[in-house]
Structures are given as C-alpha cells and as structure tokens.
C-alpha cells in the first residue's frame, strides 16, 4: 500500500488548475470548518411559533420550576386575612377579603399534608429575606378593647362564597415573591407535561408572619394527632398464613390502646 501524499495528510484539496510558479499562491483553505455550537435545550416558557403548533419540547427541568400562568390567573386576587382548615388528607387555606362587610372568600387553595413543611420553610425564608432587605414587617393593629372574634361557623354563615371559588384550586408546589409592601403566593399544580399556576394571591407584608404562625400551629396539631392516634393495619393486606407469627407494630407507631 502506498504512503499518503502530503495533500492527504494536511486535509487540503489541490486546485484543479494550479497557478504558475511566479503567481501568488492562493490562500490555504482551513482544514476543518468551525464546529457547530451545541444546541441549547428549549425553554419551556418560550412561545411556540404560530406556523408550527405541533412542535413539542422535551427539555424538562425541575431544579428551577417554570410554570404556565393561565390568563384568568395572571391578575391574581388580593386577600386581607386567611383561615386554615384541616381535612382528612389535606388542608384548605381560605383567603378572605374583609375590607367591607360582609367578608368574601377570595380564593381557596387545597394542599396535601406532605406539602405543609416545605410551605412553612419557604415562607419563613422569604420573611427573613424581607427583613434583611427592608425591615421587619409591621405587626397588624391590635383589635379594639372588648372585641370578641366571631366563631368559625358564624363567620362562614356570613361570608359570601362565590361558586367558582368554593371548589378550590389544588396545588402541590408554591413559589413566593415579595416587594416592599406585598407578598405574592403562586400556588402551582406540578404535573407532566407542564406545571401550571392554579391560584395567585397577594397579601400585605404584615399578613405574611400571621399566615406563617397559623401554618406552624396547624402543622404542630397534625403531628400531635398522628402521635396520639393508633394506626390500624391497612385493610388491603393479605390474610396471614396459618401458623405465621403476628407482625409486630413498627417502632415509630404508638402501641394500640388496651382495654
């Protein structure tokens, strides 16, 4: 086999019509063209071109959540107070508007119990950031002397509850932002193929610590209830085989009450 020629080693292609010896040699052609830049993952928030509505992006990133905000959610709602209600497996946060009587249900957000610790932590961190950038939020004014807060059932009997708000909006993630005067809560339903904001709430900065203390108290009550209640075995377990020893309860579960 013959050895490669110099032209083959350099990667250059000799011209078809070589120049005369006394003419200026042509500029050498670069050996390799500039390699193309690696393609960047598509932005999930970038709008799709109108001419290609069937184009889909597979670039999913959950480190930094980017959620779609429906048009009816963009403006958000303002709330002056909040109530937290316990359910069997979830909590409901009712955001109220109490500037003028009667009070009105501005928004209702439903979240699973498991989300509550992360919500408490996120709100605590945002309040600390607010204090470091501006100052501690001013506490709400004290109620007048002799004020008796209404009972919960009396408040809901008086409250206006729009039908499109009563059903609530489900959320399993929360994003919080703040300005010098307000906090913005974006409640997100994070599910494939794209997270979506289900409710956007604005509250004054002085109401943020009040909401934080309420959520802390509710979480403490939930933990206390789980510690006090005996956890019965699930009804879906298969029956024990004859002669098998009974299973001992988990170490973290309280012992069943005795008669």
C-alpha atoms as a PDB file:
ATOM      1  CA  UNK A   1       0.000   0.000   0.000  1.00  0.00           C
ATOM      2  CA  UNK A   2       1.381   3.414  -0.978  1.00  0.00           C
ATOM      3  CA  UNK A   3       2.010   6.096   1.670  1.00  0.00           C
ATOM      4  CA  UNK A   4      -0.423   9.038   1.822  1.00  0.00           C
ATOM      5  CA  UNK A   5       0.604  12.094  -0.103  1.00  0.00           C
ATOM      6  CA  UNK A   6       1.196  15.462   1.677  1.00  0.00           C
ATOM      7  CA  UNK A   7      -2.121  16.699   0.394  1.00  0.00           C
ATOM      8  CA  UNK A   8      -3.890  13.837   2.094  1.00  0.00           C
ATOM      9  CA  UNK A   9      -2.038  14.421   5.362  1.00  0.00           C
ATOM     10  CA  UNK A  10      -2.936  18.087   5.521  1.00  0.00           C
ATOM     11  CA  UNK A  11      -6.562  17.534   4.602  1.00  0.00           C
ATOM     12  CA  UNK A  12      -6.348  20.051   1.721  1.00  0.00           C
ATOM     13  CA  UNK A  13      -7.720  19.501  -1.768  1.00  0.00           C
ATOM     14  CA  UNK A  14      -5.333  20.638  -4.529  1.00  0.00           C
ATOM     15  CA  UNK A  15      -6.856  23.050  -7.049  1.00  0.00           C
ATOM     16  CA  UNK A  16      -7.815  21.729 -10.448  1.00  0.00           C
ATOM     17  CA  UNK A  17      -5.828  24.407 -12.311  1.00  0.00           C
ATOM     18  CA  UNK A  18      -2.575  25.088 -10.429  1.00  0.00           C
ATOM     19  CA  UNK A  19      -1.210  28.637 -10.637  1.00  0.00           C
ATOM     20  CA  UNK A  20       2.029  29.407 -12.480  1.00  0.00           C
ATOM     21  CA  UNK A  21       5.195  29.351 -10.394  1.00  0.00           C
ATOM     22  CA  UNK A  22       5.588  33.140 -10.490  1.00  0.00           C
ATOM     23  CA  UNK A  23       1.988  33.888  -9.399  1.00  0.00           C
ATOM     24  CA  UNK A  24       0.885  34.413  -5.800  1.00  0.00           C
ATOM     25  CA  UNK A  25      -0.252  31.141  -4.219  1.00  0.00           C
ATOM     26  CA  UNK A  26      -3.916  31.053  -3.196  1.00  0.00           C
ATOM     27  CA  UNK A  27      -4.857  31.342   0.447  1.00  0.00           C
ATOM     28  CA  UNK A  28      -4.911  27.934   2.065  1.00  0.00           C
ATOM     29  CA  UNK A  29      -8.355  26.600   2.828  1.00  0.00           C
ATOM     30  CA  UNK A  30      -8.966  25.915   6.517  1.00  0.00           C
ATOM     31  CA  UNK A  31      -8.558  22.299   7.351  1.00  0.00           C
ATOM     32  CA  UNK A  32     -11.802  21.929   9.272  1.00  0.00           C
ATOM     33  CA  UNK A  33     -14.812  24.198   9.330  1.00  0.00           C
ATOM     34  CA  UNK A  34     -15.870  25.691  12.653  1.00  0.00           C
ATOM     35  CA  UNK A  35     -17.774  23.025  14.560  1.00  0.00           C
ATOM     36  CA  UNK A  36     -21.407  23.901  15.160  1.00  0.00           C
ATOM     37  CA  UNK A  37     -22.286  25.147  18.639  1.00  0.00           C
ATOM     38  CA  UNK A  38     -24.088  22.598  20.782  1.00  0.00           C
ATOM     39  CA  UNK A  39     -27.801  23.108  20.741  1.00  0.00           C
ATOM     40  CA  UNK A  40     -29.332  24.509  23.924  1.00  0.00           C
ATOM     41  CA  UNK A  41     -32.370  22.855  25.480  1.00  0.00           C
ATOM     42  CA  UNK A  42     -35.586  24.505  24.517  1.00  0.00           C
ATOM     43  CA  UNK A  43     -37.045  26.919  27.016  1.00  0.00           C
ATOM     44  CA  UNK A  44     -40.328  25.577  28.387  1.00  0.00           C
ATOM     45  CA  UNK A  45     -41.656  29.134  28.652  1.00  0.00           C
ATOM     46  CA  UNK A  46     -40.815  30.149  25.086  1.00  0.00           C
ATOM     47  CA  UNK A  47     -43.950  30.619  22.959  1.00  0.00           C
ATOM     48  CA  UNK A  48     -44.474  28.173  20.175  1.00  0.00           C
ATOM     49  CA  UNK A  49     -44.450  29.594  16.645  1.00  0.00           C
ATOM     50  CA  UNK A  50     -47.890  30.025  15.170  1.00  0.00           C
ATOM     51  CA  UNK A  51     -46.860  28.241  11.983  1.00  0.00           C
ATOM     52  CA  UNK A  52     -45.839  25.089  13.871  1.00  0.00           C
ATOM     53  CA  UNK A  53     -48.446  24.334  16.541  1.00  0.00           C
ATOM     54  CA  UNK A  54     -47.454  20.667  16.669  1.00  0.00           C
ATOM     55  CA  UNK A  55     -43.877  21.288  17.846  1.00  0.00           C
ATOM     56  CA  UNK A  56     -43.168  19.816  21.286  1.00  0.00           C
ATOM     57  CA  UNK A  57     -40.162  20.328  23.534  1.00  0.00           C
ATOM     58  CA  UNK A  58     -38.672  17.589  25.718  1.00  0.00           C
ATOM     59  CA  UNK A  59     -36.444  19.835  27.801  1.00  0.00           C
ATOM     60  CA  UNK A  60     -37.798  19.311  31.327  1.00  0.00           C
ATOM     61  CA  UNK A  61     -36.061  20.845  34.330  1.00  0.00           C
ATOM     62  CA  UNK A  62     -37.443  20.737  37.848  1.00  0.00           C
ATOM     63  CA  UNK A  63     -34.490  22.414  39.584  1.00  0.00           C
ATOM     64  CA  UNK A  64     -35.996  25.791  38.658  1.00  0.00           C
ATOM     65  CA  UNK A  65     -39.737  25.493  38.253  1.00  0.00           C
ATOM     66  CA  UNK A  66     -41.226  27.441  35.387  1.00  0.00           C
ATOM     67  CA  UNK A  67     -44.991  27.193  35.299  1.00  0.00           C
ATOM     68  CA  UNK A  68     -47.574  28.412  32.838  1.00  0.00           C
ATOM     69  CA  UNK A  69     -49.890  31.112  34.153  1.00  0.00           C
ATOM     70  CA  UNK A  70     -53.400  30.975  32.617  1.00  0.00           C
ATOM     71  CA  UNK A  71     -54.899  34.258  31.528  1.00  0.00           C
ATOM     72  CA  UNK A  72     -57.576  34.189  34.214  1.00  0.00           C
ATOM     73  CA  UNK A  73     -54.890  33.705  36.915  1.00  0.00           C
ATOM     74  CA  UNK A  74     -52.420  36.379  35.782  1.00  0.00           C
ATOM     75  CA  UNK A  75     -54.023  39.272  37.647  1.00  0.00           C
ATOM     76  CA  UNK A  76     -54.403  37.327  40.896  1.00  0.00           C
ATOM     77  CA  UNK A  77     -56.615  38.262  43.835  1.00  0.00           C
ATOM     78  CA  UNK A  78     -55.929  40.340  46.932  1.00  0.00           C
ATOM     79  CA  UNK A  79     -56.641  38.995  50.415  1.00  0.00           C
ATOM     80  CA  UNK A  80     -56.592  40.674  53.811  1.00  0.00           C
ATOM     81  CA  UNK A  81     -56.883  37.561  56.003  1.00  0.00           C
ATOM     82  CA  UNK A  82     -56.597  33.785  55.846  1.00  0.00           C
ATOM     83  CA  UNK A  83     -58.079  30.723  57.529  1.00  0.00           C
ATOM     84  CA  UNK A  84     -56.624  27.205  57.503  1.00  0.00           C
ATOM     85  CA  UNK A  85     -58.970  24.212  57.681  1.00  0.00           C
ATOM     86  CA  UNK A  86     -57.892  20.611  58.298  1.00  0.00           C
ATOM     87  CA  UNK A  87     -59.257  17.750  56.245  1.00  0.00           C
ATOM     88  CA  UNK A  88     -58.657  14.009  56.359  1.00  0.00           C
ATOM     89  CA  UNK A  89     -55.679  14.055  53.998  1.00  0.00           C
ATOM     90  CA  UNK A  90     -55.286  17.700  53.026  1.00  0.00           C
ATOM     91  CA  UNK A  91     -55.607  21.255  54.250  1.00  0.00           C
ATOM     92  CA  UNK A  92     -57.545  24.142  52.741  1.00  0.00           C
ATOM     93  CA  UNK A  93     -56.296  27.710  53.002  1.00  0.00           C
ATOM     94  CA  UNK A  94     -59.153  30.186  52.630  1.00  0.00           C
ATOM     95  CA  UNK A  95     -58.012  33.668  51.666  1.00  0.00           C
ATOM     96  CA  UNK A  96     -60.566  36.281  52.698  1.00  0.00           C
ATOM     97  CA  UNK A  97     -61.328  39.855  51.737  1.00  0.00           C
ATOM     98  CA  UNK A  98     -62.611  41.691  54.792  1.00  0.00           C
ATOM     99  CA  UNK A  99     -62.259  45.352  53.861  1.00  0.00           C
ATOM    100  CA  UNK A 100     -66.023  45.885  53.939  1.00  0.00           C
ATOM    101  CA  UNK A 101     -68.735  43.648  55.391  1.00  0.00           C
ATOM    102  CA  UNK A 102     -69.733  41.011  54.685  1.00  0.00           C
ATOM    103  CA  UNK A 103     -66.452  39.102  54.282  1.00  0.00           C
ATOM    104  CA  UNK A 104     -65.853  37.413  50.934  1.00  0.00           C
ATOM    105  CA  UNK A 105     -63.991  34.239  50.043  1.00  0.00           C
ATOM    106  CA  UNK A 106     -61.351  35.487  47.596  1.00  0.00           C
ATOM    107  CA  UNK A 107     -59.577  32.166  46.966  1.00  0.00           C
ATOM    108  CA  UNK A 108     -59.347  28.643  48.333  1.00  0.00           C
ATOM    109  CA  UNK A 109     -56.235  26.533  47.917  1.00  0.00           C
ATOM    110  CA  UNK A 110     -56.151  22.797  48.711  1.00  0.00           C
ATOM    111  CA  UNK A 111     -52.808  21.167  49.516  1.00  0.00           C
ATOM    112  CA  UNK A 112     -51.732  17.728  50.783  1.00  0.00           C
ATOM    113  CA  UNK A 113     -50.370  17.376  54.296  1.00  0.00           C
ATOM    114  CA  UNK A 114     -46.931  16.495  52.952  1.00  0.00           C
ATOM    115  CA  UNK A 115     -46.514  19.912  51.355  1.00  0.00           C
ATOM    116  CA  UNK A 116     -47.047  21.829  54.579  1.00  0.00           C
ATOM    117  CA  UNK A 117     -43.461  21.585  55.983  1.00  0.00           C
ATOM    118  CA  UNK A 118     -41.947  22.907  52.745  1.00  0.00           C
ATOM    119  CA  UNK A 119     -44.519  25.724  52.630  1.00  0.00           C
ATOM    120  CA  UNK A 120     -43.630  26.712  56.188  1.00  0.00           C
ATOM    121  CA  UNK A 121     -39.915  26.653  55.374  1.00  0.00           C
ATOM    122  CA  UNK A 122     -40.332  28.659  52.140  1.00  0.00           C
ATOM    123  CA  UNK A 123     -42.464  31.310  53.833  1.00  0.00           C
ATOM    124  CA  UNK A 124     -40.034  31.535  56.764  1.00  0.00           C
ATOM    125  CA  UNK A 125     -37.076  32.051  54.407  1.00  0.00           C
ATOM    126  CA  UNK A 126     -38.930  34.716  52.425  1.00  0.00           C
ATOM    127  CA  UNK A 127     -39.831  36.632  55.573  1.00  0.00           C
ATOM    128  CA  UNK A 128     -36.184  36.512  56.695  1.00  0.00           C
ATOM    129  CA  UNK A 129     -35.101  37.797  53.269  1.00  0.00           C
ATOM    130  CA  UNK A 130     -37.674  40.557  53.564  1.00  0.00           C
ATOM    131  CA  UNK A 131     -36.283  41.565  56.953  1.00  0.00           C
ATOM    132  CA  UNK A 132     -32.714  41.654  55.654  1.00  0.00           C
ATOM    133  CA  UNK A 133     -33.630  43.780  52.624  1.00  0.00           C
ATOM    134  CA  UNK A 134     -36.182  46.124  54.149  1.00  0.00           C
ATOM    135  CA  UNK A 135     -37.200  45.719  57.788  1.00  0.00           C
ATOM    136  CA  UNK A 136     -39.352  43.512  59.948  1.00  0.00           C
ATOM    137  CA  UNK A 137     -42.974  43.583  58.711  1.00  0.00           C
ATOM    138  CA  UNK A 138     -45.134  45.782  60.908  1.00  0.00           C
ATOM    139  CA  UNK A 139     -47.468  43.704  63.090  1.00  0.00           C
ATOM    140  CA  UNK A 140     -51.201  44.007  62.431  1.00  0.00           C
ATOM    141  CA  UNK A 141     -53.028  46.528  64.626  1.00  0.00           C
ATOM    142  CA  UNK A 142     -54.411  45.152  67.855  1.00  0.00           C
ATOM    143  CA  UNK A 143     -58.200  44.643  67.996  1.00  0.00           C
ATOM    144  CA  UNK A 144     -60.176  47.242  69.957  1.00  0.00           C
ATOM    145  CA  UNK A 145     -60.816  46.593  73.666  1.00  0.00           C
ATOM    146  CA  UNK A 146     -63.638  44.182  74.301  1.00  0.00           C
ATOM    147  CA  UNK A 147     -63.533  42.732  70.780  1.00  0.00           C
ATOM    148  CA  UNK A 148     -64.809  39.169  70.619  1.00  0.00           C
ATOM    149  CA  UNK A 149     -63.791  37.312  67.463  1.00  0.00           C
ATOM    150  CA  UNK A 150     -66.666  35.528  65.743  1.00  0.00           C
ATOM    151  CA  UNK A 151     -66.872  31.770  65.842  1.00  0.00           C
ATOM    152  CA  UNK A 152     -65.824  29.904  62.739  1.00  0.00           C
ATOM    153  CA  UNK A 153     -69.315  28.721  61.800  1.00  0.00           C
ATOM    154  CA  UNK A 154     -70.717  32.227  62.301  1.00  0.00           C
ATOM    155  CA  UNK A 155     -68.052  33.659  60.031  1.00  0.00           C
ATOM    156  CA  UNK A 156     -68.810  31.216  57.225  1.00  0.00           C
ATOM    157  CA  UNK A 157     -72.546  31.741  57.557  1.00  0.00           C
ATOM    158  CA  UNK A 158     -71.996  35.447  56.980  1.00  0.00           C
ATOM    159  CA  UNK A 159     -69.309  35.057  54.339  1.00  0.00           C
ATOM    160  CA  UNK A 160     -70.018  35.391  50.622  1.00  0.00           C
ATOM    161  CA  UNK A 161     -68.664  32.332  48.829  1.00  0.00           C
ATOM    162  CA  UNK A 162     -68.717  32.509  45.021  1.00  0.00           C
ATOM    163  CA  UNK A 163     -69.461  29.174  43.387  1.00  0.00           C
ATOM    164  CA  UNK A 164     -66.350  29.291  41.207  1.00  0.00           C
ATOM    165  CA  UNK A 165     -64.191  29.700  44.340  1.00  0.00           C
ATOM    166  CA  UNK A 166     -65.845  27.218  46.718  1.00  0.00           C
ATOM    167  CA  UNK A 167     -64.426  24.171  44.904  1.00  0.00           C
ATOM    168  CA  UNK A 168     -60.901  25.440  45.487  1.00  0.00           C
ATOM    169  CA  UNK A 169     -57.696  25.066  43.469  1.00  0.00           C
ATOM    170  CA  UNK A 170     -55.328  22.154  44.061  1.00  0.00           C
ATOM    171  CA  UNK A 171     -51.602  22.815  44.430  1.00  0.00           C
ATOM    172  CA  UNK A 172     -48.561  20.705  45.258  1.00  0.00           C
ATOM    173  CA  UNK A 173     -45.892  23.426  44.974  1.00  0.00           C
ATOM    174  CA  UNK A 174     -45.551  27.062  45.989  1.00  0.00           C
ATOM    175  CA  UNK A 175     -43.466  29.977  44.741  1.00  0.00           C
ATOM    176  CA  UNK A 176     -43.249  33.151  46.857  1.00  0.00           C
ATOM    177  CA  UNK A 177     -42.071  36.610  45.827  1.00  0.00           C
ATOM    178  CA  UNK A 178     -42.268  39.893  47.673  1.00  0.00           C
ATOM    179  CA  UNK A 179     -41.978  43.630  47.205  1.00  0.00           C
ATOM    180  CA  UNK A 180     -41.542  46.281  49.918  1.00  0.00           C
ATOM    181  CA  UNK A 181     -45.266  46.200  50.619  1.00  0.00           C
ATOM    182  CA  UNK A 182     -46.728  42.881  49.426  1.00  0.00           C
ATOM    183  CA  UNK A 183     -46.156  39.155  49.226  1.00  0.00           C
ATOM    184  CA  UNK A 184     -47.211  37.169  46.159  1.00  0.00           C
ATOM    185  CA  UNK A 185     -48.071  33.467  46.516  1.00  0.00           C
ATOM    186  CA  UNK A 186     -48.148  31.406  43.328  1.00  0.00           C
ATOM    187  CA  UNK A 187     -49.717  28.024  44.063  1.00  0.00           C
ATOM    188  CA  UNK A 188     -48.686  25.522  41.386  1.00  0.00           C
ATOM    189  CA  UNK A 189     -50.006  22.169  40.249  1.00  0.00           C
ATOM    190  CA  UNK A 190     -46.819  20.438  39.132  1.00  0.00           C
ATOM    191  CA  UNK A 191     -47.678  17.574  36.792  1.00  0.00           C
ATOM    192  CA  UNK A 192     -46.459  16.402  33.396  1.00  0.00           C
ATOM    193  CA  UNK A 193     -46.299  17.788  30.795  1.00  0.00           C
ATOM    194  CA  UNK A 194     -46.023  21.259  32.317  1.00  0.00           C
ATOM    195  CA  UNK A 195     -46.636  22.881  35.720  1.00  0.00           C
ATOM    196  CA  UNK A 196     -49.442  25.422  35.848  1.00  0.00           C
ATOM    197  CA  UNK A 197     -50.287  28.142  38.362  1.00  0.00           C
ATOM    198  CA  UNK A 198     -53.726  27.390  39.797  1.00  0.00           C
ATOM    199  CA  UNK A 199     -54.016  30.377  42.136  1.00  0.00           C
ATOM    200  CA  UNK A 200     -52.160  33.663  42.661  1.00  0.00           C
ATOM    201  CA  UNK A 201     -52.693  35.510  45.936  1.00  0.00           C
ATOM    202  CA  UNK A 202     -51.463  38.934  47.016  1.00  0.00           C
ATOM    203  CA  UNK A 203     -51.274  39.854  50.704  1.00  0.00           C
ATOM    204  CA  UNK A 204     -49.775  42.769  52.591  1.00  0.00           C
ATOM    205  CA  UNK A 205     -46.350  42.194  54.109  1.00  0.00           C
ATOM    206  CA  UNK A 206     -47.746  42.455  57.632  1.00  0.00           C
ATOM    207  CA  UNK A 207     -50.053  39.485  56.980  1.00  0.00           C
ATOM    208  CA  UNK A 208     -47.209  37.144  55.958  1.00  0.00           C
ATOM    209  CA  UNK A 209     -45.978  36.453  59.530  1.00  0.00           C
ATOM    210  CA  UNK A 210     -49.589  35.889  60.632  1.00  0.00           C
ATOM    211  CA  UNK A 211     -50.040  33.236  57.938  1.00  0.00           C
ATOM    212  CA  UNK A 212     -46.702  31.657  58.890  1.00  0.00           C
ATOM    213  CA  UNK A 213     -47.680  31.308  62.545  1.00  0.00           C
ATOM    214  CA  UNK A 214     -51.039  29.817  61.566  1.00  0.00           C
ATOM    215  CA  UNK A 215     -49.391  27.207  59.334  1.00  0.00           C
ATOM    216  CA  UNK A 216     -46.880  26.341  62.061  1.00  0.00           C
ATOM    217  CA  UNK A 217     -49.677  25.833  64.575  1.00  0.00           C
ATOM    218  CA  UNK A 218     -51.663  23.653  62.156  1.00  0.00           C
ATOM    219  CA  UNK A 219     -48.615  21.520  61.387  1.00  0.00           C
ATOM    220  CA  UNK A 220     -47.960  21.050  65.091  1.00  0.00           C
ATOM    221  CA  UNK A 221     -51.560  19.946  65.621  1.00  0.00           C
ATOM    222  CA  UNK A 222     -51.325  17.465  62.744  1.00  0.00           C
ATOM    223  CA  UNK A 223     -48.142  15.931  64.159  1.00  0.00           C
ATOM    224  CA  UNK A 224     -49.678  15.683  67.615  1.00  0.00           C
ATOM    225  CA  UNK A 225     -52.776  13.952  66.257  1.00  0.00           C
ATOM    226  CA  UNK A 226     -50.697  11.383  64.395  1.00  0.00           C
ATOM    227  CA  UNK A 227     -48.661  10.654  67.512  1.00  0.00           C
ATOM    228  CA  UNK A 228     -51.718  10.186  69.709  1.00  0.00           C
ATOM    229  CA  UNK A 229     -53.791   8.108  67.317  1.00  0.00           C
ATOM    230  CA  UNK A 230     -53.158   4.395  66.910  1.00  0.00           C
ATOM    231  CA  UNK A 231     -52.503   3.452  63.288  1.00  0.00           C
ATOM    232  CA  UNK A 232     -54.680   0.439  62.378  1.00  0.00           C
ATOM    233  CA  UNK A 233     -53.333  -2.038  59.844  1.00  0.00           C
ATOM    234  CA  UNK A 234     -54.485  -1.427  56.264  1.00  0.00           C
ATOM    235  CA  UNK A 235     -57.496  -3.469  55.193  1.00  0.00           C
ATOM    236  CA  UNK A 236     -55.808  -4.322  51.892  1.00  0.00           C
ATOM    237  CA  UNK A 237     -53.154  -6.551  53.444  1.00  0.00           C
ATOM    238  CA  UNK A 238     -53.464 -10.254  52.528  1.00  0.00           C
ATOM    239  CA  UNK A 239     -54.563 -12.624  55.321  1.00  0.00           C
ATOM    240  CA  UNK A 240     -51.810 -14.182  57.364  1.00  0.00           C
ATOM    241  CA  UNK A 241     -50.890 -17.740  56.582  1.00  0.00           C
ATOM    242  CA  UNK A 242     -51.764 -20.391  59.229  1.00  0.00           C
ATOM    243  CA  UNK A 243     -49.098 -20.727  61.855  1.00  0.00           C
ATOM    244  CA  UNK A 244     -47.348 -17.479  60.932  1.00  0.00           C
ATOM    245  CA  UNK A 245     -46.409 -15.297  63.914  1.00  0.00           C
ATOM    246  CA  UNK A 246     -48.270 -11.988  64.125  1.00  0.00           C
ATOM    247  CA  UNK A 247     -46.378  -8.986  62.833  1.00  0.00           C
ATOM    248  CA  UNK A 248     -45.128  -6.562  65.449  1.00  0.00           C
ATOM    249  CA  UNK A 249     -46.100  -2.897  65.034  1.00  0.00           C
ATOM    250  CA  UNK A 250     -43.469  -0.519  63.635  1.00  0.00           C
ATOM    251  CA  UNK A 251     -41.174   1.101  66.164  1.00  0.00           C
ATOM    252  CA  UNK A 252     -42.342   4.601  65.193  1.00  0.00           C
ATOM    253  CA  UNK A 253     -46.029   3.798  65.606  1.00  0.00           C
ATOM    254  CA  UNK A 254     -47.678   4.103  69.019  1.00  0.00           C
ATOM    255  CA  UNK A 255     -48.838   0.930  70.686  1.00  0.00           C
ATOM    256  CA  UNK A 256     -52.537   0.147  70.284  1.00  0.00           C
ATOM    257  CA  UNK A 257     -54.676   1.084  73.262  1.00  0.00           C
ATOM    258  CA  UNK A 258     -55.510  -1.672  75.709  1.00  0.00           C
ATOM    259  CA  UNK A 259     -58.911  -2.293  77.247  1.00  0.00           C
END
